[in-house]
Amino acid sequence: MQVVASEPQKSKSGTPMQALLDIQEIVKDFGGVRAVNHCSFSVSPQTITGLIGPNGAGKTTLFNLISGFYKPDEGKVYFKGEEITALPPHKIFHKGICRTFQIPREHKSMTVLENLMLVPPGQLGERLWNPWFRPRRVRHQEGEIRDKALGILEFVGFIHLKDEYAGNLSGGQKKLLELARTMMADPEMILLDEPGAGVNPTLMRQLTQYITQLCHEHGVTFLLIEHDMNLVMNLCNPVVVMSEGRVLMEGRPEQVRSDDRVLEAYLGGQYR
């Protein structure tokens, strides 16, 4: 399946839309090592932006800074025009940003369906007294969450696995489960850390199809780290290239694949 790269969104006047995510001069040091070095770029709404670069370029560190797991030493991060630089991860999650990890973090001893139902915040049943004094409302909300989870499992083709323990899934299935879990939070933006790693070609086609559908049909914005250049070039637009903690260049896939610096440093000349 050939996945069509997403087009940058424009307003009715034809001008580019305001950035959904804006990263400004972010710096992060670990001891004497500068992992992110005055990194700046923005992500437009309803796009699939690729973030590439060699190991050690600072990509995952940048994800940790955006999602609140690390605090930057310098610089600012804005989401929908609001500064989120100093917010903890759970507050950034509530703002509408979800992320996945290189190694899936499923709850192994829970079923696939239970993994999804656990995600929505503010569930009434989480408070000790509600099951005793408001049982009807608790059951009603649980029913709504269950129906939503089943719908998402239908969307990703996992309905037949709803009662399977998550720990029994293959690596590729766990990546799809991670995407399904983020969908339970109704995010405006999803940060995907190497979604293609360890995924067989069949599941990879499914995963890219769902990413494209979520972007184009449901308005979800994606920023993804990936080392599979064929996936990046077919799925992402624009593509941001990082090197030594900062942005080397950014542009359309065809611009990236024809840039001498990128060809030499990251793509090994495969697109020459």
C-alpha atoms as a PDB file:
ATOM      1  CA  MET A   1       0.000   0.000   0.000  1.00  0.00           C
ATOM      2  CA  GLN A   2       1.354   3.395  -1.006  1.00  0.00           C
ATOM      3  CA  VAL A   3       0.673   5.958   1.713  1.00  0.00           C
ATOM      4  CA  VAL A   4       0.214   9.499   0.482  1.00  0.00           C
ATOM      5  CA  ALA A   5       2.244  12.080   2.392  1.00  0.00           C
ATOM      6  CA  SER A   6       0.184  14.585   4.321  1.00  0.00           C
ATOM      7  CA  GLU A   7      -0.007  18.145   3.029  1.00  0.00           C
ATOM      8  CA  PRO A   8       0.652  21.117   5.297  1.00  0.00           C
ATOM      9  CA  GLN A   9      -2.677  22.635   6.302  1.00  0.00           C
ATOM     10  CA  LYS A  10      -3.635  26.115   5.112  1.00  0.00           C
ATOM     11  CA  SER A  11      -6.318  28.561   6.069  1.00  0.00           C
ATOM     12  CA  LYS A  12      -9.105  29.605   3.674  1.00  0.00           C
ATOM     13  CA  SER A  13      -6.933  32.507   2.530  1.00  0.00           C
ATOM     14  CA  GLY A  14      -4.210  30.070   1.491  1.00  0.00           C
ATOM     15  CA  THR A  15      -1.733  31.118   4.181  1.00  0.00           C
ATOM     16  CA  PRO A  16      -0.103  28.526   6.493  1.00  0.00           C
ATOM     17  CA  MET A  17      -1.991  27.821   9.707  1.00  0.00           C
ATOM     18  CA  GLN A  18      -0.564  28.815  13.078  1.00  0.00           C
ATOM     19  CA  ALA A  19       1.739  26.187  14.558  1.00  0.00           C
ATOM     20  CA  LEU A  20       0.130  23.672  16.884  1.00  0.00           C
ATOM     21  CA  LEU A  21       3.477  22.891  18.531  1.00  0.00           C
ATOM     22  CA  ASP A  22       6.267  25.459  18.631  1.00  0.00           C
ATOM     23  CA  ILE A  23       9.737  24.554  19.961  1.00  0.00           C
ATOM     24  CA  GLN A  24      11.963  27.556  20.582  1.00  0.00           C
ATOM     25  CA  GLU A  25      15.714  27.332  21.246  1.00  0.00           C
ATOM     26  CA  ILE A  26      15.467  24.268  23.485  1.00  0.00           C
ATOM     27  CA  VAL A  27      18.679  23.225  25.278  1.00  0.00           C
ATOM     28  CA  LYS A  28      19.242  20.134  27.427  1.00  0.00           C
ATOM     29  CA  ASP A  29      22.563  19.123  29.011  1.00  0.00           C
ATOM     30  CA  PHE A  30      23.421  15.890  30.809  1.00  0.00           C
ATOM     31  CA  GLY A  31      26.596  16.599  32.737  1.00  0.00           C
ATOM     32  CA  GLY A  32      29.099  17.741  30.142  1.00  0.00           C
ATOM     33  CA  VAL A  33      27.098  16.421  27.187  1.00  0.00           C
ATOM     34  CA  ARG A  34      24.692  18.692  25.318  1.00  0.00           C
ATOM     35  CA  ALA A  35      21.932  16.398  24.016  1.00  0.00           C
ATOM     36  CA  VAL A  36      19.735  19.162  22.569  1.00  0.00           C
ATOM     37  CA  ASN A  37      21.448  22.302  21.340  1.00  0.00           C
ATOM     38  CA  HIS A  38      19.232  25.348  20.688  1.00  0.00           C
ATOM     39  CA  CYS A  39      16.717  23.268  18.745  1.00  0.00           C
ATOM     40  CA  SER A  40      13.841  25.152  17.108  1.00  0.00           C
ATOM     41  CA  PHE A  41      11.041  24.087  14.766  1.00  0.00           C
ATOM     42  CA  SER A  42       7.245  24.038  14.645  1.00  0.00           C
ATOM     43  CA  VAL A  43       4.563  21.507  13.774  1.00  0.00           C
ATOM     44  CA  SER A  44       1.464  22.599  11.865  1.00  0.00           C
ATOM     45  CA  PRO A  45      -1.946  21.204  12.807  1.00  0.00           C
ATOM     46  CA  GLN A  46      -3.238  18.101  11.031  1.00  0.00           C
ATOM     47  CA  THR A  47       0.122  17.101   9.591  1.00  0.00           C
ATOM     48  CA  ILE A  48       2.387  14.081   9.953  1.00  0.00           C
ATOM     49  CA  THR A  49       5.857  15.482  10.656  1.00  0.00           C
ATOM     50  CA  GLY A  50       8.847  13.156  10.547  1.00  0.00           C
ATOM     51  CA  LEU A  51      11.854  13.658  12.828  1.00  0.00           C
ATOM     52  CA  ILE A  52      14.986  11.866  11.611  1.00  0.00           C
ATOM     53  CA  GLY A  53      18.698  11.791  12.406  1.00  0.00           C
ATOM     54  CA  PRO A  54      21.375   9.369  13.562  1.00  0.00           C
ATOM     55  CA  ASN A  55      21.476   7.763  16.993  1.00  0.00           C
ATOM     56  CA  GLY A  56      22.511  10.399  19.510  1.00  0.00           C
ATOM     57  CA  ALA A  57      21.042  13.283  17.514  1.00  0.00           C
ATOM     58  CA  GLY A  58      18.735  14.186  20.423  1.00  0.00           C
ATOM     59  CA  LYS A  59      15.398  13.052  19.002  1.00  0.00           C
ATOM     60  CA  THR A  60      14.109  11.008  21.954  1.00  0.00           C
ATOM     61  CA  THR A  61      15.480  13.572  24.416  1.00  0.00           C
ATOM     62  CA  LEU A  62      13.461  16.188  22.550  1.00  0.00           C
ATOM     63  CA  PHE A  63      10.329  14.033  22.887  1.00  0.00           C
ATOM     64  CA  ASN A  64      10.984  13.798  26.624  1.00  0.00           C
ATOM     65  CA  LEU A  65      11.275  17.585  26.796  1.00  0.00           C
ATOM     66  CA  ILE A  66       8.050  18.168  24.861  1.00  0.00           C
ATOM     67  CA  SER A  67       6.086  15.663  26.967  1.00  0.00           C
ATOM     68  CA  GLY A  68       7.394  16.927  30.314  1.00  0.00           C
ATOM     69  CA  PHE A  69       9.574  13.961  31.326  1.00  0.00           C
ATOM     70  CA  TYR A  70      12.622  16.276  31.208  1.00  0.00           C
ATOM     71  CA  LYS A  71      12.839  19.982  31.926  1.00  0.00           C
ATOM     72  CA  PRO A  72      14.892  22.045  29.463  1.00  0.00           C
ATOM     73  CA  ASP A  73      17.873  24.074  30.632  1.00  0.00           C
ATOM     74  CA  GLU A  74      16.961  26.806  28.162  1.00  0.00           C
ATOM     75  CA  GLY A  75      14.214  27.539  25.671  1.00  0.00           C
ATOM     76  CA  LYS A  76      10.437  27.202  25.577  1.00  0.00           C
ATOM     77  CA  VAL A  77       7.766  24.859  24.242  1.00  0.00           C
ATOM     78  CA  TYR A  78       4.342  26.136  23.185  1.00  0.00           C
ATOM     79  CA  PHE A  79       1.217  24.119  22.397  1.00  0.00           C
ATOM     80  CA  LYS A  80      -1.699  25.955  20.766  1.00  0.00           C
ATOM     81  CA  GLY A  81       0.008  29.208  21.702  1.00  0.00           C
ATOM     82  CA  GLU A  82       0.254  28.327  25.406  1.00  0.00           C
ATOM     83  CA  GLU A  83       3.607  27.738  27.071  1.00  0.00           C
ATOM     84  CA  ILE A  84       3.877  24.190  28.436  1.00  0.00           C
ATOM     85  CA  THR A  85       7.634  24.180  29.155  1.00  0.00           C
ATOM     86  CA  ALA A  86       7.424  23.688  32.912  1.00  0.00           C
ATOM     87  CA  LEU A  87       4.350  21.469  33.063  1.00  0.00           C
ATOM     88  CA  PRO A  88       4.577  17.877  34.386  1.00  0.00           C
ATOM     89  CA  PRO A  89       3.679  14.984  32.050  1.00  0.00           C
ATOM     90  CA  HIS A  90       0.151  14.453  33.363  1.00  0.00           C
ATOM     91  CA  LYS A  91      -0.779  18.099  32.757  1.00  0.00           C
ATOM     92  CA  ILE A  92       0.674  18.019  29.240  1.00  0.00           C
ATOM     93  CA  PHE A  93      -1.382  14.854  28.653  1.00  0.00           C
ATOM     94  CA  HIS A  94      -4.519  16.746  29.722  1.00  0.00           C
ATOM     95  CA  LYS A  95      -3.628  19.542  27.275  1.00  0.00           C
ATOM     96  CA  GLY A  96      -4.023  17.039  24.422  1.00  0.00           C
ATOM     97  CA  ILE A  97      -0.531  15.616  23.776  1.00  0.00           C
ATOM     98  CA  CYS A  98       0.001  11.851  23.989  1.00  0.00           C
ATOM     99  CA  ARG A  99       3.191   9.917  23.300  1.00  0.00           C
ATOM    100  CA  THR A 100       4.341   6.384  22.684  1.00  0.00           C
ATOM    101  CA  PHE A 101       7.745   4.873  23.443  1.00  0.00           C
ATOM    102  CA  GLN A 102      10.374   2.907  21.514  1.00  0.00           C
ATOM    103  CA  ILE A 103       9.606  -0.039  23.803  1.00  0.00           C
ATOM    104  CA  PRO A 104       5.832  -0.399  24.348  1.00  0.00           C
ATOM    105  CA  ARG A 105       4.672   0.056  27.939  1.00  0.00           C
ATOM    106  CA  GLU A 106       1.543  -2.046  27.985  1.00  0.00           C
ATOM    107  CA  HIS A 107       0.092  -3.486  31.192  1.00  0.00           C
ATOM    108  CA  LYS A 108       1.088  -7.095  30.576  1.00  0.00           C
ATOM    109  CA  SER A 109      -1.241  -8.740  33.109  1.00  0.00           C
ATOM    110  CA  MET A 110      -4.321  -6.903  31.826  1.00  0.00           C
ATOM    111  CA  THR A 111      -6.323  -7.713  28.711  1.00  0.00           C
ATOM    112  CA  VAL A 112      -6.137  -5.632  25.562  1.00  0.00           C
ATOM    113  CA  LEU A 113      -9.574  -4.184  26.317  1.00  0.00           C
ATOM    114  CA  GLU A 114      -8.620  -3.376  29.913  1.00  0.00           C
ATOM    115  CA  ASN A 115      -5.470  -1.603  28.692  1.00  0.00           C
ATOM    116  CA  LEU A 116      -7.666   0.761  26.702  1.00  0.00           C
ATOM    117  CA  MET A 117     -10.310   1.258  29.381  1.00  0.00           C
ATOM    118  CA  LEU A 118      -7.640   2.307  31.862  1.00  0.00           C
ATOM    119  CA  VAL A 119      -6.646   5.392  29.819  1.00  0.00           C
ATOM    120  CA  PRO A 120      -9.461   7.979  30.125  1.00  0.00           C
ATOM    121  CA  PRO A 121      -8.771  10.324  33.059  1.00  0.00           C
ATOM    122  CA  GLY A 122     -11.229  11.325  35.767  1.00  0.00           C
ATOM    123  CA  GLN A 123     -13.153   8.058  35.902  1.00  0.00           C
ATOM    124  CA  LEU A 124     -15.780   8.044  38.657  1.00  0.00           C
ATOM    125  CA  GLY A 125     -14.897   4.532  39.764  1.00  0.00           C
ATOM    126  CA  GLU A 126     -11.395   5.669  40.705  1.00  0.00           C
ATOM    127  CA  ARG A 127     -12.782   7.432  43.777  1.00  0.00           C
ATOM    128  CA  LEU A 128     -13.420   5.112  46.706  1.00  0.00           C
ATOM    129  CA  TRP A 129     -16.886   6.369  47.640  1.00  0.00           C
ATOM    130  CA  ASN A 130     -18.438   6.552  44.148  1.00  0.00           C
ATOM    131  CA  PRO A 131     -19.005   2.791  43.658  1.00  0.00           C
ATOM    132  CA  TRP A 132     -20.882   2.833  46.993  1.00  0.00           C
ATOM    133  CA  PHE A 133     -22.900   6.039  46.683  1.00  0.00           C
ATOM    134  CA  ARG A 134     -23.127   6.559  42.912  1.00  0.00           C
ATOM    135  CA  PRO A 135     -23.077   3.005  41.486  1.00  0.00           C
ATOM    136  CA  ARG A 136     -25.462   3.787  38.616  1.00  0.00           C
ATOM    137  CA  ARG A 137     -23.328   6.650  37.328  1.00  0.00           C
ATOM    138  CA  VAL A 138     -20.170   4.570  37.695  1.00  0.00           C
ATOM    139  CA  ARG A 139     -21.705   1.709  35.676  1.00  0.00           C
ATOM    140  CA  HIS A 140     -22.985   4.117  33.031  1.00  0.00           C
ATOM    141  CA  GLN A 141     -19.573   5.734  32.576  1.00  0.00           C
ATOM    142  CA  GLU A 142     -17.826   2.359  32.491  1.00  0.00           C
ATOM    143  CA  GLY A 143     -20.253   1.246  29.797  1.00  0.00           C
ATOM    144  CA  GLU A 144     -19.476   4.332  27.695  1.00  0.00           C
ATOM    145  CA  ILE A 145     -15.727   3.800  28.092  1.00  0.00           C
ATOM    146  CA  ARG A 146     -16.065   0.125  27.178  1.00  0.00           C
ATOM    147  CA  ASP A 147     -18.070   0.965  24.049  1.00  0.00           C
ATOM    148  CA  LYS A 148     -15.466   3.525  23.017  1.00  0.00           C
ATOM    149  CA  ALA A 149     -12.640   1.035  23.581  1.00  0.00           C
ATOM    150  CA  LEU A 150     -14.427  -1.633  21.539  1.00  0.00           C
ATOM    151  CA  GLY A 151     -14.921   0.860  18.713  1.00  0.00           C
ATOM    152  CA  ILE A 152     -11.230   1.698  18.688  1.00  0.00           C
ATOM    153  CA  LEU A 153     -10.297  -1.994  18.709  1.00  0.00           C
ATOM    154  CA  GLU A 154     -12.557  -2.429  15.677  1.00  0.00           C
ATOM    155  CA  PHE A 155     -10.771   0.486  14.003  1.00  0.00           C
ATOM    156  CA  VAL A 156      -7.308  -1.035  14.488  1.00  0.00           C
ATOM    157  CA  GLY A 157      -8.467  -4.578  13.701  1.00  0.00           C
ATOM    158  CA  PHE A 158      -7.911  -5.871  17.234  1.00  0.00           C
ATOM    159  CA  ILE A 159     -11.451  -6.744  18.260  1.00  0.00           C
ATOM    160  CA  HIS A 160     -10.611 -10.464  18.140  1.00  0.00           C
ATOM    161  CA  LEU A 161      -7.831  -9.822  20.685  1.00  0.00           C
ATOM    162  CA  LYS A 162      -9.898  -7.861  23.193  1.00  0.00           C
ATOM    163  CA  ASP A 163      -9.692 -10.592  25.856  1.00  0.00           C
ATOM    164  CA  GLU A 164      -6.045 -11.506  25.196  1.00  0.00           C
ATOM    165  CA  TYR A 165      -3.482 -10.534  27.815  1.00  0.00           C
ATOM    166  CA  ALA A 166      -1.407  -7.645  26.484  1.00  0.00           C
ATOM    167  CA  GLY A 167       1.813  -9.384  27.518  1.00  0.00           C
ATOM    168  CA  ASN A 168       1.085 -12.149  24.992  1.00  0.00           C
ATOM    169  CA  LEU A 169       1.008  -9.822  21.965  1.00  0.00           C
ATOM    170  CA  SER A 170       3.793  -9.687  19.401  1.00  0.00           C
ATOM    171  CA  GLY A 171       6.051  -6.633  19.195  1.00  0.00           C
ATOM    172  CA  GLY A 172       4.126  -5.242  16.236  1.00  0.00           C
ATOM    173  CA  GLN A 173       0.781  -5.836  17.910  1.00  0.00           C
ATOM    174  CA  LYS A 174       2.011  -3.979  20.983  1.00  0.00           C
ATOM    175  CA  LYS A 175       2.835  -0.976  18.777  1.00  0.00           C
ATOM    176  CA  LEU A 176      -0.736  -0.996  17.470  1.00  0.00           C
ATOM    177  CA  LEU A 177      -1.999  -1.331  21.040  1.00  0.00           C
ATOM    178  CA  GLU A 178       0.023   1.764  21.992  1.00  0.00           C
ATOM    179  CA  LEU A 179      -1.635   3.719  19.184  1.00  0.00           C
ATOM    180  CA  ALA A 180      -5.066   2.446  20.242  1.00  0.00           C
ATOM    181  CA  ARG A 181      -4.402   3.520  23.836  1.00  0.00           C
ATOM    182  CA  THR A 182      -3.520   7.054  22.756  1.00  0.00           C
ATOM    183  CA  MET A 183      -6.789   7.230  20.812  1.00  0.00           C
ATOM    184  CA  MET A 184      -8.710   6.627  24.042  1.00  0.00           C
ATOM    185  CA  ALA A 185      -7.512  10.022  25.275  1.00  0.00           C
ATOM    186  CA  ASP A 186      -8.860  11.901  22.205  1.00  0.00           C
ATOM    187  CA  PRO A 187      -5.499  13.651  21.701  1.00  0.00           C
ATOM    188  CA  GLU A 188      -4.918  16.600  19.421  1.00  0.00           C
ATOM    189  CA  MET A 189      -1.307  15.537  18.939  1.00  0.00           C
ATOM    190  CA  ILE A 190       0.511  12.199  19.180  1.00  0.00           C
ATOM    191  CA  LEU A 191       4.281  11.820  19.550  1.00  0.00           C
ATOM    192  CA  LEU A 192       5.325   8.460  18.072  1.00  0.00           C
ATOM    193  CA  ASP A 193       8.788   7.172  18.980  1.00  0.00           C
ATOM    194  CA  GLU A 194       9.929   4.693  16.288  1.00  0.00           C
ATOM    195  CA  PRO A 195       6.528   3.166  15.483  1.00  0.00           C
ATOM    196  CA  GLY A 196       8.097   0.950  12.796  1.00  0.00           C
ATOM    197  CA  ALA A 197      10.762  -0.664  14.979  1.00  0.00           C
ATOM    198  CA  GLY A 198      10.254  -4.425  15.224  1.00  0.00           C
ATOM    199  CA  VAL A 199       7.025  -4.360  13.209  1.00  0.00           C
ATOM    200  CA  ASN A 200       6.539  -6.813  10.338  1.00  0.00           C
ATOM    201  CA  PRO A 201       5.544  -5.409   6.915  1.00  0.00           C
ATOM    202  CA  THR A 202       1.885  -6.424   7.194  1.00  0.00           C
ATOM    203  CA  LEU A 203       1.380  -4.741  10.574  1.00  0.00           C
ATOM    204  CA  MET A 204       3.427  -1.772   9.380  1.00  0.00           C
ATOM    205  CA  ARG A 205       1.007  -1.217   6.506  1.00  0.00           C
ATOM    206  CA  GLN A 206      -1.859  -1.332   9.006  1.00  0.00           C
ATOM    207  CA  LEU A 207      -0.117   1.098  11.337  1.00  0.00           C
ATOM    208  CA  THR A 208       0.634   3.641   8.588  1.00  0.00           C
ATOM    209  CA  GLN A 209      -2.917   3.362   7.316  1.00  0.00           C
ATOM    210  CA  TYR A 210      -4.339   4.140  10.760  1.00  0.00           C
ATOM    211  CA  ILE A 211      -1.938   7.068  11.261  1.00  0.00           C
ATOM    212  CA  THR A 212      -2.994   8.518   7.905  1.00  0.00           C
ATOM    213  CA  GLN A 213      -6.692   8.048   8.670  1.00  0.00           C
ATOM    214  CA  LEU A 214      -6.376   9.613  12.109  1.00  0.00           C
ATOM    215  CA  CYS A 215      -4.635  12.641  10.603  1.00  0.00           C
ATOM    216  CA  HIS A 216      -6.759  13.191   7.506  1.00  0.00           C
ATOM    217  CA  GLU A 217     -10.160  12.048   8.766  1.00  0.00           C
ATOM    218  CA  HIS A 218      -9.997  12.842  12.501  1.00  0.00           C
ATOM    219  CA  GLY A 219      -7.646  15.856  12.543  1.00  0.00           C
ATOM    220  CA  VAL A 220      -4.961  14.327  14.785  1.00  0.00           C
ATOM    221  CA  THR A 221      -1.475  15.821  14.392  1.00  0.00           C
ATOM    222  CA  PHE A 222       1.573  13.534  14.483  1.00  0.00           C
ATOM    223  CA  LEU A 223       5.262  14.069  15.183  1.00  0.00           C
ATOM    224  CA  LEU A 224       7.157  10.818  14.757  1.00  0.00           C
ATOM    225  CA  ILE A 225      10.724   9.620  15.153  1.00  0.00           C
ATOM    226  CA  GLU A 226      11.632   6.908  12.682  1.00  0.00           C
ATOM    227  CA  HIS A 227      14.736   5.281  11.185  1.00  0.00           C
ATOM    228  CA  ASP A 228      12.885   3.565   8.318  1.00  0.00           C
ATOM    229  CA  MET A 229      13.466   6.100   5.556  1.00  0.00           C
ATOM    230  CA  ASN A 230      10.978   4.525   3.150  1.00  0.00           C
ATOM    231  CA  LEU A 231       8.293   4.899   5.803  1.00  0.00           C
ATOM    232  CA  VAL A 232       9.281   8.501   6.523  1.00  0.00           C
ATOM    233  CA  MET A 233       9.452   9.517   2.864  1.00  0.00           C
ATOM    234  CA  ASN A 234       6.048   7.995   2.062  1.00  0.00           C
ATOM    235  CA  LEU A 235       4.180   8.995   5.211  1.00  0.00           C
ATOM    236  CA  CYS A 236       5.604  12.297   6.458  1.00  0.00           C
ATOM    237  CA  ASN A 237       5.454  15.860   5.207  1.00  0.00           C
ATOM    238  CA  PRO A 238       7.376  17.831   6.340  1.00  0.00           C
ATOM    239  CA  VAL A 239      10.512  16.053   7.513  1.00  0.00           C
ATOM    240  CA  VAL A 240      12.824  17.579  10.144  1.00  0.00           C
ATOM    241  CA  VAL A 241      16.455  16.402  10.240  1.00  0.00           C
ATOM    242  CA  MET A 242      18.364  16.637  13.520  1.00  0.00           C
ATOM    243  CA  SER A 243      22.125  16.446  13.955  1.00  0.00           C
ATOM    244  CA  GLU A 244      24.117  16.949  17.156  1.00  0.00           C
ATOM    245  CA  GLY A 245      21.080  18.200  19.027  1.00  0.00           C
ATOM    246  CA  ARG A 246      19.922  20.818  16.571  1.00  0.00           C
ATOM    247  CA  VAL A 247      17.941  21.068  13.332  1.00  0.00           C
ATOM    248  CA  LEU A 248      20.097  20.472  10.263  1.00  0.00           C
ATOM    249  CA  MET A 249      17.277  21.134   7.814  1.00  0.00           C
ATOM    250  CA  GLU A 250      13.552  20.700   7.333  1.00  0.00           C
ATOM    251  CA  GLY A 251      11.395  20.473   4.257  1.00  0.00           C
ATOM    252  CA  ARG A 252       9.329  18.264   2.016  1.00  0.00           C
ATOM    253  CA  PRO A 253      10.431  14.649   1.582  1.00  0.00           C
ATOM    254  CA  GLU A 254      11.829  15.302  -1.882  1.00  0.00           C
ATOM    255  CA  GLN A 255      13.887  18.205  -0.552  1.00  0.00           C
ATOM    256  CA  VAL A 256      15.295  16.079   2.261  1.00  0.00           C
ATOM    257  CA  ARG A 257      16.142  13.139   0.022  1.00  0.00           C
ATOM    258  CA  SER A 258      18.007  15.413  -2.398  1.00  0.00           C
ATOM    259  CA  ASP A 259      19.981  17.407   0.190  1.00  0.00           C
ATOM    260  CA  ASP A 260      23.674  16.472   0.016  1.00  0.00           C
ATOM    261  CA  ARG A 261      24.181  16.780   3.774  1.00  0.00           C
ATOM    262  CA  VAL A 262      21.298  14.448   4.534  1.00  0.00           C
ATOM    263  CA  LEU A 263      22.233  11.990   1.801  1.00  0.00           C
ATOM    264  CA  GLU A 264      25.763  11.757   3.073  1.00  0.00           C
ATOM    265  CA  ALA A 265      25.081  11.698   6.798  1.00  0.00           C
ATOM    266  CA  TYR A 266      21.794   9.807   7.162  1.00  0.00           C
ATOM    267  CA  LEU A 267      20.451   8.210   4.018  1.00  0.00           C
ATOM    268  CA  GLY A 268      23.684   6.647   2.766  1.00  0.00           C
ATOM    269  CA  GLY A 269      23.051   7.773  -0.777  1.00  0.00           C
ATOM    270  CA  GLN A 270      20.111   5.412  -1.342  1.00  0.00           C
ATOM    271  CA  TYR A 271      18.084   8.173  -2.992  1.00  0.00           C
ATOM    272  CA  ARG A 272      20.867   9.421  -5.304  1.00  0.00           C
END
